[in-house]
Structures are given as structure tokens and as C-alpha cells.
Amino acid sequence: MAATEKAVLVRITGIVQGVGYRYWTESEARARGLDGWVRNRRDGSVEALIAGDEATIDEMLAAFRVGPPASVVEKVTSEAAELPTERGFRTLRTE
């Protein structure tokens, strides 16, 4: 990872499960060259760790607020996080 890269942990709430949000997130993140992961949470939210340069992270955060067509995003929160240990982007199991 380049020294200018950072990571954020993102939580998305609303109608974000059962609407393809994880698949969409993985596709969008890979298209932007971001590293990290996405997973459903048992509370009905979606959580993602995204890592890359600041401008690309900001772009992805804006995309999270819109989401895929069937979703209804109510809130997107983010906080600084540790960089992931693996390159690439993947979907994890529900936690």
C-alpha cells in the first residue's frame, strides 16, 4: 500500500440487505481499485472497510449514499480504520 493510502470503516443503514448492496459494493470498489471488504450485519446494516487514496475513498463514500437501485440508504457513517492486510476487495460472511 502506498503511504498516501488510508482506510475507513463504513456503516450503511436503511433498506440495504436483500437488495444486492454487497454485490454492488464489491463491484464499485473493484472498479475504483479499492482494497477491503463488505459484509451484512445482523442488525440489518451493511459494513465495509475501504482502503485507497483519499479522493477515491471520498468518491466511494458518495456512492454509498446512493447505493444500488433497489436500496434505500438512510445513513452512512465512517471512521478511520487500520489498512487491510490483504489486497483486493471481497465479500465476507454476515457478522
PDB file of N, CA and C in Angstrom:
ATOM      1  N   MET A   1       0.840  -1.182   0.000  1.00  0.00           N
ATOM      2  CA  MET A   1       0.000   0.000   0.000  1.00  0.00           C
ATOM      3  C   MET A   1       0.885   1.245   0.000  1.00  0.00           C
ATOM      4  N   ALA A   2       0.479   2.225  -0.722  1.00  0.00           N
ATOM      5  CA  ALA A   2       1.225   3.478  -0.776  1.00  0.00           C
ATOM      6  C   ALA A   2       1.026   4.256   0.513  1.00  0.00           C
ATOM      7  N   ALA A   3       1.985   5.099   0.840  1.00  0.00           N
ATOM      8  CA  ALA A   3       1.929   5.867   2.079  1.00  0.00           C
ATOM      9  C   ALA A   3       0.745   6.833   2.095  1.00  0.00           C
ATOM     10  N   THR A   4       0.249   7.229   0.931  1.00  0.00           N
ATOM     11  CA  THR A   4      -0.865   8.172   0.871  1.00  0.00           C
ATOM     12  C   THR A   4      -2.217   7.491   1.017  1.00  0.00           C
ATOM     13  N   GLU A   5      -2.221   6.174   1.154  1.00  0.00           N
ATOM     14  CA  GLU A   5      -3.486   5.467   1.285  1.00  0.00           C
ATOM     15  C   GLU A   5      -3.975   5.500   2.720  1.00  0.00           C
ATOM     16  N   LYS A   6      -5.289   5.488   2.847  1.00  0.00           N
ATOM     17  CA  LYS A   6      -5.907   5.413   4.160  1.00  0.00           C
ATOM     18  C   LYS A   6      -7.046   4.418   4.092  1.00  0.00           C
ATOM     19  N   ALA A   7      -7.624   4.115   5.235  1.00  0.00           N
ATOM     20  CA  ALA A   7      -8.744   3.180   5.297  1.00  0.00           C
ATOM     21  C   ALA A   7      -9.833   3.759   6.184  1.00  0.00           C
ATOM     22  N   VAL A   8     -11.075   3.454   5.827  1.00  0.00           N
ATOM     23  CA  VAL A   8     -12.207   3.841   6.659  1.00  0.00           C
ATOM     24  C   VAL A   8     -13.164   2.657   6.802  1.00  0.00           C
ATOM     25  N   LEU A   9     -13.756   2.568   7.991  1.00  0.00           N
ATOM     26  CA  LEU A   9     -14.789   1.580   8.255  1.00  0.00           C
ATOM     27  C   LEU A   9     -16.118   2.296   8.102  1.00  0.00           C
ATOM     28  N   VAL A  10     -16.976   1.754   7.253  1.00  0.00           N
ATOM     29  CA  VAL A  10     -18.232   2.413   6.889  1.00  0.00           C
ATOM     30  C   VAL A  10     -19.408   1.554   7.322  1.00  0.00           C
ATOM     31  N   ARG A  11     -20.450   2.206   7.845  1.00  0.00           N
ATOM     32  CA  ARG A  11     -21.700   1.512   8.199  1.00  0.00           C
ATOM     33  C   ARG A  11     -22.822   2.179   7.421  1.00  0.00           C
ATOM     34  N   ILE A  12     -23.610   1.373   6.703  1.00  0.00           N
ATOM     35  CA  ILE A  12     -24.713   1.874   5.899  1.00  0.00           C
ATOM     36  C   ILE A  12     -26.008   1.290   6.461  1.00  0.00           C
ATOM     37  N   THR A  13     -26.988   2.158   6.743  1.00  0.00           N
ATOM     38  CA  THR A  13     -28.266   1.703   7.263  1.00  0.00           C
ATOM     39  C   THR A  13     -29.398   2.109   6.322  1.00  0.00           C
ATOM     40  N   GLY A  14     -30.519   1.436   6.474  1.00  0.00           N
ATOM     41  CA  GLY A  14     -31.680   1.657   5.625  1.00  0.00           C
ATOM     42  C   GLY A  14     -32.124   0.324   5.051  1.00  0.00           C
ATOM     43  N   ILE A  15     -32.669   0.335   3.847  1.00  0.00           N
ATOM     44  CA  ILE A  15     -33.018  -0.911   3.163  1.00  0.00           C
ATOM     45  C   ILE A  15     -31.791  -1.270   2.323  1.00  0.00           C
ATOM     46  N   VAL A  16     -30.874  -2.006   2.970  1.00  0.00           N
ATOM     47  CA  VAL A  16     -29.583  -2.296   2.338  1.00  0.00           C
ATOM     48  C   VAL A  16     -29.237  -3.785   2.331  1.00  0.00           C
ATOM     49  N   GLN A  17     -30.128  -4.611   2.855  1.00  0.00           N
ATOM     50  CA  GLN A  17     -29.932  -6.060   2.772  1.00  0.00           C
ATOM     51  C   GLN A  17     -31.025  -6.644   1.903  1.00  0.00           C
ATOM     52  N   GLY A  18     -30.653  -7.643   1.108  1.00  0.00           N
ATOM     53  CA  GLY A  18     -31.617  -8.281   0.220  1.00  0.00           C
ATOM     54  C   GLY A  18     -31.881  -7.487  -1.052  1.00  0.00           C
ATOM     55  N   VAL A  19     -31.044  -6.483  -1.313  1.00  0.00           N
ATOM     56  CA  VAL A  19     -31.224  -5.630  -2.496  1.00  0.00           C
ATOM     57  C   VAL A  19     -29.963  -5.572  -3.366  1.00  0.00           C
ATOM     58  N   GLY A  20     -29.008  -6.474  -3.102  1.00  0.00           N
ATOM     59  CA  GLY A  20     -27.782  -6.506  -3.892  1.00  0.00           C
ATOM     60  C   GLY A  20     -26.729  -5.499  -3.469  1.00  0.00           C
ATOM     61  N   TYR A  21     -26.844  -4.965  -2.249  1.00  0.00           N
ATOM     62  CA  TYR A  21     -25.911  -3.924  -1.814  1.00  0.00           C
ATOM     63  C   TYR A  21     -24.475  -4.439  -1.716  1.00  0.00           C
ATOM     64  N   ARG A  22     -24.286  -5.636  -1.174  1.00  0.00           N
ATOM     65  CA  ARG A  22     -22.915  -6.167  -1.066  1.00  0.00           C
ATOM     66  C   ARG A  22     -22.303  -6.414  -2.433  1.00  0.00           C
ATOM     67  N   TYR A  23     -23.073  -7.026  -3.338  1.00  0.00           N
ATOM     68  CA  TYR A  23     -22.578  -7.288  -4.690  1.00  0.00           C
ATOM     69  C   TYR A  23     -22.219  -5.964  -5.375  1.00  0.00           C
ATOM     70  N   TRP A  24     -23.102  -4.996  -5.255  1.00  0.00           N
ATOM     71  CA  TRP A  24     -22.874  -3.670  -5.847  1.00  0.00           C
ATOM     72  C   TRP A  24     -21.626  -3.024  -5.245  1.00  0.00           C
ATOM     73  N   THR A  25     -21.477  -3.111  -3.918  1.00  0.00           N
ATOM     74  CA  THR A  25     -20.310  -2.530  -3.251  1.00  0.00           C
ATOM     75  C   THR A  25     -19.023  -3.163  -3.757  1.00  0.00           C
ATOM     76  N   GLU A  26     -18.986  -4.481  -3.840  1.00  0.00           N
ATOM     77  CA  GLU A  26     -17.785  -5.160  -4.319  1.00  0.00           C
ATOM     78  C   GLU A  26     -17.452  -4.723  -5.740  1.00  0.00           C
ATOM     79  N   SER A  27     -18.451  -4.640  -6.593  1.00  0.00           N
ATOM     80  CA  SER A  27     -18.244  -4.215  -7.975  1.00  0.00           C
ATOM     81  C   SER A  27     -17.723  -2.774  -8.053  1.00  0.00           C
ATOM     82  N   GLU A  28     -18.357  -1.879  -7.309  1.00  0.00           N
ATOM     83  CA  GLU A  28     -17.948  -0.468  -7.308  1.00  0.00           C
ATOM     84  C   GLU A  28     -16.542  -0.290  -6.739  1.00  0.00           C
ATOM     85  N   ALA A  29     -16.244  -0.993  -5.668  1.00  0.00           N
ATOM     86  CA  ALA A  29     -14.929  -0.881  -5.038  1.00  0.00           C
ATOM     87  C   ALA A  29     -13.830  -1.419  -5.952  1.00  0.00           C
ATOM     88  N   ARG A  30     -14.079  -2.555  -6.581  1.00  0.00           N
ATOM     89  CA  ARG A  30     -13.091  -3.123  -7.506  1.00  0.00           C
ATOM     90  C   ARG A  30     -12.871  -2.205  -8.699  1.00  0.00           C
ATOM     91  N   ALA A  31     -13.947  -1.610  -9.214  1.00  0.00           N
ATOM     92  CA  ALA A  31     -13.826  -0.697 -10.357  1.00  0.00           C
ATOM     93  C   ALA A  31     -12.961   0.517 -10.002  1.00  0.00           C
ATOM     94  N   ARG A  32     -12.973   0.901  -8.744  1.00  0.00           N
ATOM     95  CA  ARG A  32     -12.189   2.056  -8.286  1.00  0.00           C
ATOM     96  C   ARG A  32     -10.801   1.659  -7.785  1.00  0.00           C
ATOM     97  N   GLY A  33     -10.507   0.353  -7.771  1.00  0.00           N
ATOM     98  CA  GLY A  33      -9.199  -0.118  -7.319  1.00  0.00           C
ATOM     99  C   GLY A  33      -9.011  -0.068  -5.813  1.00  0.00           C
ATOM    100  N   LEU A  34     -10.120  -0.094  -5.069  1.00  0.00           N
ATOM    101  CA  LEU A  34     -10.036  -0.063  -3.609  1.00  0.00           C
ATOM    102  C   LEU A  34      -9.787  -1.451  -3.045  1.00  0.00           C
ATOM    103  N   ASP A  35      -9.148  -1.506  -1.898  1.00  0.00           N
ATOM    104  CA  ASP A  35      -8.958  -2.747  -1.156  1.00  0.00           C
ATOM    105  C   ASP A  35      -9.952  -2.761  -0.009  1.00  0.00           C
ATOM    106  N   GLY A  36     -10.247  -3.968   0.506  1.00  0.00           N
ATOM    107  CA  GLY A  36     -11.100  -4.074   1.677  1.00  0.00           C
ATOM    108  C   GLY A  36     -12.129  -5.168   1.567  1.00  0.00           C
ATOM    109  N   TRP A  37     -13.254  -4.957   2.226  1.00  0.00           N
ATOM    110  CA  TRP A  37     -14.305  -5.973   2.276  1.00  0.00           C
ATOM    111  C   TRP A  37     -15.656  -5.332   2.573  1.00  0.00           C
ATOM    112  N   VAL A  38     -16.721  -6.132   2.383  1.00  0.00           N
ATOM    113  CA  VAL A  38     -18.081  -5.718   2.705  1.00  0.00           C
ATOM    114  C   VAL A  38     -18.797  -6.920   3.318  1.00  0.00           C
ATOM    115  N   ARG A  39     -19.711  -6.655   4.259  1.00  0.00           N
ATOM    116  CA  ARG A  39     -20.499  -7.732   4.866  1.00  0.00           C
ATOM    117  C   ARG A  39     -21.808  -7.182   5.416  1.00  0.00           C
ATOM    118  N   ASN A  40     -22.795  -8.068   5.509  1.00  0.00           N
ATOM    119  CA  ASN A  40     -24.033  -7.734   6.196  1.00  0.00           C
ATOM    120  C   ASN A  40     -23.800  -7.839   7.691  1.00  0.00           C
ATOM    121  N   ARG A  41     -24.533  -7.031   8.449  1.00  0.00           N
ATOM    122  CA  ARG A  41     -24.520  -7.120   9.908  1.00  0.00           C
ATOM    123  C   ARG A  41     -25.869  -7.678  10.350  1.00  0.00           C
ATOM    124  N   ARG A  42     -25.878  -8.371  11.447  1.00  0.00           N
ATOM    125  CA  ARG A  42     -27.116  -8.977  11.949  1.00  0.00           C
ATOM    126  C   ARG A  42     -28.177  -7.933  12.289  1.00  0.00           C
ATOM    127  N   ASP A  43     -27.768  -6.687  12.506  1.00  0.00           N
ATOM    128  CA  ASP A  43     -28.734  -5.629  12.833  1.00  0.00           C
ATOM    129  C   ASP A  43     -29.414  -5.044  11.594  1.00  0.00           C
ATOM    130  N   GLY A  44     -29.122  -5.599  10.408  1.00  0.00           N
ATOM    131  CA  GLY A  44     -29.756  -5.132   9.179  1.00  0.00           C
ATOM    132  C   GLY A  44     -28.944  -4.115   8.399  1.00  0.00           C
ATOM    133  N   SER A  45     -27.805  -3.698   8.950  1.00  0.00           N
ATOM    134  CA  SER A  45     -26.946  -2.744   8.249  1.00  0.00           C
ATOM    135  C   SER A  45     -25.928  -3.485   7.378  1.00  0.00           C
ATOM    136  N   VAL A  46     -25.202  -2.718   6.591  1.00  0.00           N
ATOM    137  CA  VAL A  46     -24.075  -3.233   5.819  1.00  0.00           C
ATOM    138  C   VAL A  46     -22.829  -2.509   6.319  1.00  0.00           C
ATOM    139  N   GLU A  47     -21.745  -3.245   6.471  1.00  0.00           N
ATOM    140  CA  GLU A  47     -20.478  -2.688   6.944  1.00  0.00           C
ATOM    141  C   GLU A  47     -19.416  -2.940   5.879  1.00  0.00           C
ATOM    142  N   ALA A  48     -18.562  -1.955   5.660  1.00  0.00           N
ATOM    143  CA  ALA A  48     -17.491  -2.115   4.668  1.00  0.00           C
ATOM    144  C   ALA A  48     -16.221  -1.459   5.175  1.00  0.00           C
ATOM    145  N   LEU A  49     -15.105  -2.071   4.867  1.00  0.00           N
ATOM    146  CA  LEU A  49     -13.791  -1.474   5.082  1.00  0.00           C
ATOM    147  C   LEU A  49     -13.263  -1.148   3.690  1.00  0.00           C
ATOM    148  N   ILE A  50     -12.983   0.127   3.448  1.00  0.00           N
ATOM    149  CA  ILE A  50     -12.439   0.512   2.147  1.00  0.00           C
ATOM    150  C   ILE A  50     -11.114   1.214   2.356  1.00  0.00           C
ATOM    151  N   ALA A  51     -10.162   0.901   1.490  1.00  0.00           N
ATOM    152  CA  ALA A  51      -8.824   1.480   1.591  1.00  0.00           C
ATOM    153  C   ALA A  51      -8.347   1.905   0.212  1.00  0.00           C
ATOM    154  N   GLY A  52      -7.735   3.067   0.170  1.00  0.00           N
ATOM    155  CA  GLY A  52      -7.203   3.605  -1.072  1.00  0.00           C
ATOM    156  C   GLY A  52      -6.802   5.050  -0.855  1.00  0.00           C
ATOM    157  N   ASP A  53      -6.643   5.802  -1.945  1.00  0.00           N
ATOM    158  CA  ASP A  53      -6.291   7.209  -1.786  1.00  0.00           C
ATOM    159  C   ASP A  53      -7.532   7.993  -1.352  1.00  0.00           C
ATOM    160  N   GLU A  54      -7.310   9.139  -0.746  1.00  0.00           N
ATOM    161  CA  GLU A  54      -8.395   9.908  -0.151  1.00  0.00           C
ATOM    162  C   GLU A  54      -9.490  10.293  -1.142  1.00  0.00           C
ATOM    163  N   ALA A  55      -9.101  10.711  -2.346  1.00  0.00           N
ATOM    164  CA  ALA A  55     -10.095  11.118  -3.339  1.00  0.00           C
ATOM    165  C   ALA A  55     -10.997   9.951  -3.741  1.00  0.00           C
ATOM    166  N   THR A  56     -10.426   8.768  -3.899  1.00  0.00           N
ATOM    167  CA  THR A  56     -11.212   7.599  -4.294  1.00  0.00           C
ATOM    168  C   THR A  56     -12.118   7.151  -3.154  1.00  0.00           C
ATOM    169  N   ILE A  57     -11.631   7.241  -1.934  1.00  0.00           N
ATOM    170  CA  ILE A  57     -12.474   6.916  -0.779  1.00  0.00           C
ATOM    171  C   ILE A  57     -13.651   7.879  -0.709  1.00  0.00           C
ATOM    172  N   ASP A  58     -13.396   9.160  -0.900  1.00  0.00           N
ATOM    173  CA  ASP A  58     -14.482  10.152  -0.881  1.00  0.00           C
ATOM    174  C   ASP A  58     -15.515   9.849  -1.973  1.00  0.00           C
ATOM    175  N   GLU A  59     -15.035   9.437  -3.130  1.00  0.00           N
ATOM    176  CA  GLU A  59     -15.925   9.072  -4.238  1.00  0.00           C
ATOM    177  C   GLU A  59     -16.793   7.869  -3.866  1.00  0.00           C
ATOM    178  N   MET A  60     -16.181   6.885  -3.209  1.00  0.00           N
ATOM    179  CA  MET A  60     -16.928   5.691  -2.809  1.00  0.00           C
ATOM    180  C   MET A  60     -17.920   6.023  -1.702  1.00  0.00           C
ATOM    181  N   LEU A  61     -17.547   6.893  -0.778  1.00  0.00           N
ATOM    182  CA  LEU A  61     -18.479   7.307   0.271  1.00  0.00           C
ATOM    183  C   LEU A  61     -19.708   7.983  -0.331  1.00  0.00           C
ATOM    184  N   ALA A  62     -19.502   8.795  -1.356  1.00  0.00           N
ATOM    185  CA  ALA A  62     -20.628   9.433  -2.040  1.00  0.00           C
ATOM    186  C   ALA A  62     -21.497   8.377  -2.717  1.00  0.00           C
ATOM    187  N   ALA A  63     -20.868   7.364  -3.314  1.00  0.00           N
ATOM    188  CA  ALA A  63     -21.628   6.290  -3.970  1.00  0.00           C
ATOM    189  C   ALA A  63     -22.425   5.493  -2.946  1.00  0.00           C
ATOM    190  N   PHE A  64     -21.852   5.258  -1.752  1.00  0.00           N
ATOM    191  CA  PHE A  64     -22.572   4.540  -0.696  1.00  0.00           C
ATOM    192  C   PHE A  64     -23.886   5.237  -0.362  1.00  0.00           C
ATOM    193  N   ARG A  65     -23.904   6.560  -0.409  1.00  0.00           N
ATOM    194  CA  ARG A  65     -25.116   7.316  -0.048  1.00  0.00           C
ATOM    195  C   ARG A  65     -26.248   7.115  -1.055  1.00  0.00           C
ATOM    196  N   VAL A  66     -25.903   6.681  -2.261  1.00  0.00           N
ATOM    197  CA  VAL A  66     -26.900   6.408  -3.295  1.00  0.00           C
ATOM    198  C   VAL A  66     -27.227   4.913  -3.322  1.00  0.00           C
ATOM    199  N   GLY A  67     -26.194   4.067  -3.389  1.00  0.00           N
ATOM    200  CA  GLY A  67     -26.381   2.620  -3.390  1.00  0.00           C
ATOM    201  C   GLY A  67     -26.963   2.103  -4.695  1.00  0.00           C
ATOM    202  N   PRO A  68     -27.220   0.793  -4.736  1.00  0.00           N
ATOM    203  CA  PRO A  68     -27.817   0.198  -5.935  1.00  0.00           C
ATOM    204  C   PRO A  68     -29.289   0.602  -6.051  1.00  0.00           C
ATOM    205  N   PRO A  69     -29.891   0.410  -7.225  1.00  0.00           N
ATOM    206  CA  PRO A  69     -31.257   0.893  -7.472  1.00  0.00           C
ATOM    207  C   PRO A  69     -32.318   0.451  -6.463  1.00  0.00           C
ATOM    208  N   ALA A  70     -32.280  -0.780  -5.962  1.00  0.00           N
ATOM    209  CA  ALA A  70     -33.335  -1.276  -5.064  1.00  0.00           C
ATOM    210  C   ALA A  70     -33.131  -0.851  -3.610  1.00  0.00           C
ATOM    211  N   SER A  71     -32.016  -0.230  -3.293  1.00  0.00           N
ATOM    212  CA  SER A  71     -31.747   0.149  -1.902  1.00  0.00           C
ATOM    213  C   SER A  71     -32.375   1.493  -1.551  1.00  0.00           C
ATOM    214  N   VAL A  72     -32.557   1.697  -0.248  1.00  0.00           N
ATOM    215  CA  VAL A  72     -32.978   2.985   0.293  1.00  0.00           C
ATOM    216  C   VAL A  72     -32.017   3.288   1.431  1.00  0.00           C
ATOM    217  N   VAL A  73     -31.014   4.099   1.149  1.00  0.00           N
ATOM    218  CA  VAL A  73     -29.984   4.403   2.139  1.00  0.00           C
ATOM    219  C   VAL A  73     -30.488   5.512   3.057  1.00  0.00           C
ATOM    220  N   GLU A  74     -30.470   5.233   4.359  1.00  0.00           N
ATOM    221  CA  GLU A  74     -30.878   6.232   5.348  1.00  0.00           C
ATOM    222  C   GLU A  74     -29.685   6.992   5.913  1.00  0.00           C
ATOM    223  N   LYS A  75     -28.593   6.248   6.177  1.00  0.00           N
ATOM    224  CA  LYS A  75     -27.449   6.886   6.838  1.00  0.00           C
ATOM    225  C   LYS A  75     -26.163   6.162   6.471  1.00  0.00           C
ATOM    226  N   VAL A  76     -25.098   6.935   6.281  1.00  0.00           N
ATOM    227  CA  VAL A  76     -23.760   6.396   6.042  1.00  0.00           C
ATOM    228  C   VAL A  76     -22.828   7.050   7.052  1.00  0.00           C
ATOM    229  N   THR A  77     -22.183   6.237   7.883  1.00  0.00           N
ATOM    230  CA  THR A  77     -21.207   6.762   8.833  1.00  0.00           C
ATOM    231  C   THR A  77     -19.855   6.131   8.527  1.00  0.00           C
ATOM    232  N   SER A  78     -18.789   6.848   8.834  1.00  0.00           N
ATOM    233  CA  SER A  78     -17.452   6.308   8.594  1.00  0.00           C
ATOM    234  C   SER A  78     -16.504   6.784   9.674  1.00  0.00           C
ATOM    235  N   GLU A  79     -15.492   5.967   9.919  1.00  0.00           N
ATOM    236  CA  GLU A  79     -14.450   6.305  10.885  1.00  0.00           C
ATOM    237  C   GLU A  79     -13.125   5.750  10.389  1.00  0.00           C
ATOM    238  N   ALA A  80     -12.052   6.367  10.811  1.00  0.00           N
ATOM    239  CA  ALA A  80     -10.716   5.907  10.414  1.00  0.00           C
ATOM    240  C   ALA A  80     -10.506   4.468  10.882  1.00  0.00           C
ATOM    241  N   ALA A  81      -9.775   3.706  10.077  1.00  0.00           N
ATOM    242  CA  ALA A  81      -9.519   2.297  10.389  1.00  0.00           C
ATOM    243  C   ALA A  81      -8.107   1.927   9.977  1.00  0.00           C
ATOM    244  N   GLU A  82      -7.678   0.765  10.414  1.00  0.00           N
ATOM    245  CA  GLU A  82      -6.385   0.223  10.012  1.00  0.00           C
ATOM    246  C   GLU A  82      -6.475  -0.273   8.573  1.00  0.00           C
ATOM    247  N   LEU A  83      -5.390  -0.139   7.831  1.00  0.00           N
ATOM    248  CA  LEU A  83      -5.353  -0.655   6.461  1.00  0.00           C
ATOM    249  C   LEU A  83      -5.534  -2.171   6.474  1.00  0.00           C
ATOM    250  N   PRO A  84      -6.253  -2.719   5.494  1.00  0.00           N
ATOM    251  CA  PRO A  84      -6.413  -4.181   5.447  1.00  0.00           C
ATOM    252  C   PRO A  84      -5.076  -4.854   5.161  1.00  0.00           C
ATOM    253  N   THR A  85      -4.964  -6.091   5.606  1.00  0.00           N
ATOM    254  CA  THR A  85      -3.715  -6.838   5.409  1.00  0.00           C
ATOM    255  C   THR A  85      -3.645  -7.487   4.036  1.00  0.00           C
ATOM    256  N   GLU A  86      -4.797  -7.619   3.370  1.00  0.00           N
ATOM    257  CA  GLU A  86      -4.838  -8.243   2.041  1.00  0.00           C
ATOM    258  C   GLU A  86      -5.209  -7.229   0.976  1.00  0.00           C
ATOM    259  N   ARG A  87      -4.651  -7.408  -0.214  1.00  0.00           N
ATOM    260  CA  ARG A  87      -5.013  -6.589  -1.378  1.00  0.00           C
ATOM    261  C   ARG A  87      -6.303  -7.130  -1.975  1.00  0.00           C
ATOM    262  N   GLY A  88      -6.990  -6.306  -2.747  1.00  0.00           N
ATOM    263  CA  GLY A  88      -8.223  -6.732  -3.398  1.00  0.00           C
ATOM    264  C   GLY A  88      -9.442  -6.408  -2.548  1.00  0.00           C
ATOM    265  N   PHE A  89     -10.613  -6.725  -3.079  1.00  0.00           N
ATOM    266  CA  PHE A  89     -11.866  -6.451  -2.380  1.00  0.00           C
ATOM    267  C   PHE A  89     -12.718  -7.699  -2.409  1.00  0.00           C
ATOM    268  N   ARG A  90     -13.348  -8.038  -1.274  1.00  0.00           N
ATOM    269  CA  ARG A  90     -14.119  -9.273  -1.191  1.00  0.00           C
ATOM    270  C   ARG A  90     -15.344  -9.093  -0.296  1.00  0.00           C
ATOM    271  N   THR A  91     -16.252 -10.042  -0.384  1.00  0.00           N
ATOM    272  CA  THR A  91     -17.441 -10.070   0.460  1.00  0.00           C
ATOM    273  C   THR A  91     -17.215 -11.096   1.571  1.00  0.00           C
ATOM    274  N   LEU A  92     -17.480 -10.674   2.802  1.00  0.00           N
ATOM    275  CA  LEU A  92     -17.332 -11.557   3.961  1.00  0.00           C
ATOM    276  C   LEU A  92     -18.703 -12.049   4.416  1.00  0.00           C
ATOM    277  N   ARG A  93     -18.678 -13.058   5.285  1.00  0.00           N
ATOM    278  CA  ARG A  93     -19.910 -13.593   5.849  1.00  0.00           C
ATOM    279  C   ARG A  93     -20.533 -12.583   6.809  1.00  0.00           C
ATOM    280  N   THR A  94     -21.834 -12.721   7.005  1.00  0.00           N
ATOM    281  CA  THR A  94     -22.569 -11.878   7.946  1.00  0.00           C
ATOM    282  C   THR A  94     -21.984 -12.003   9.344  1.00  0.00           C
ATOM    283  N   GLU A  95     -21.906 -10.869  10.015  1.00  0.00           N
ATOM    284  CA  GLU A  95     -21.427 -10.887  11.404  1.00  0.00           C
ATOM    285  C   GLU A  95     -22.409 -10.175  12.285  1.00  0.00           C
TER     286      GLU A  95
END
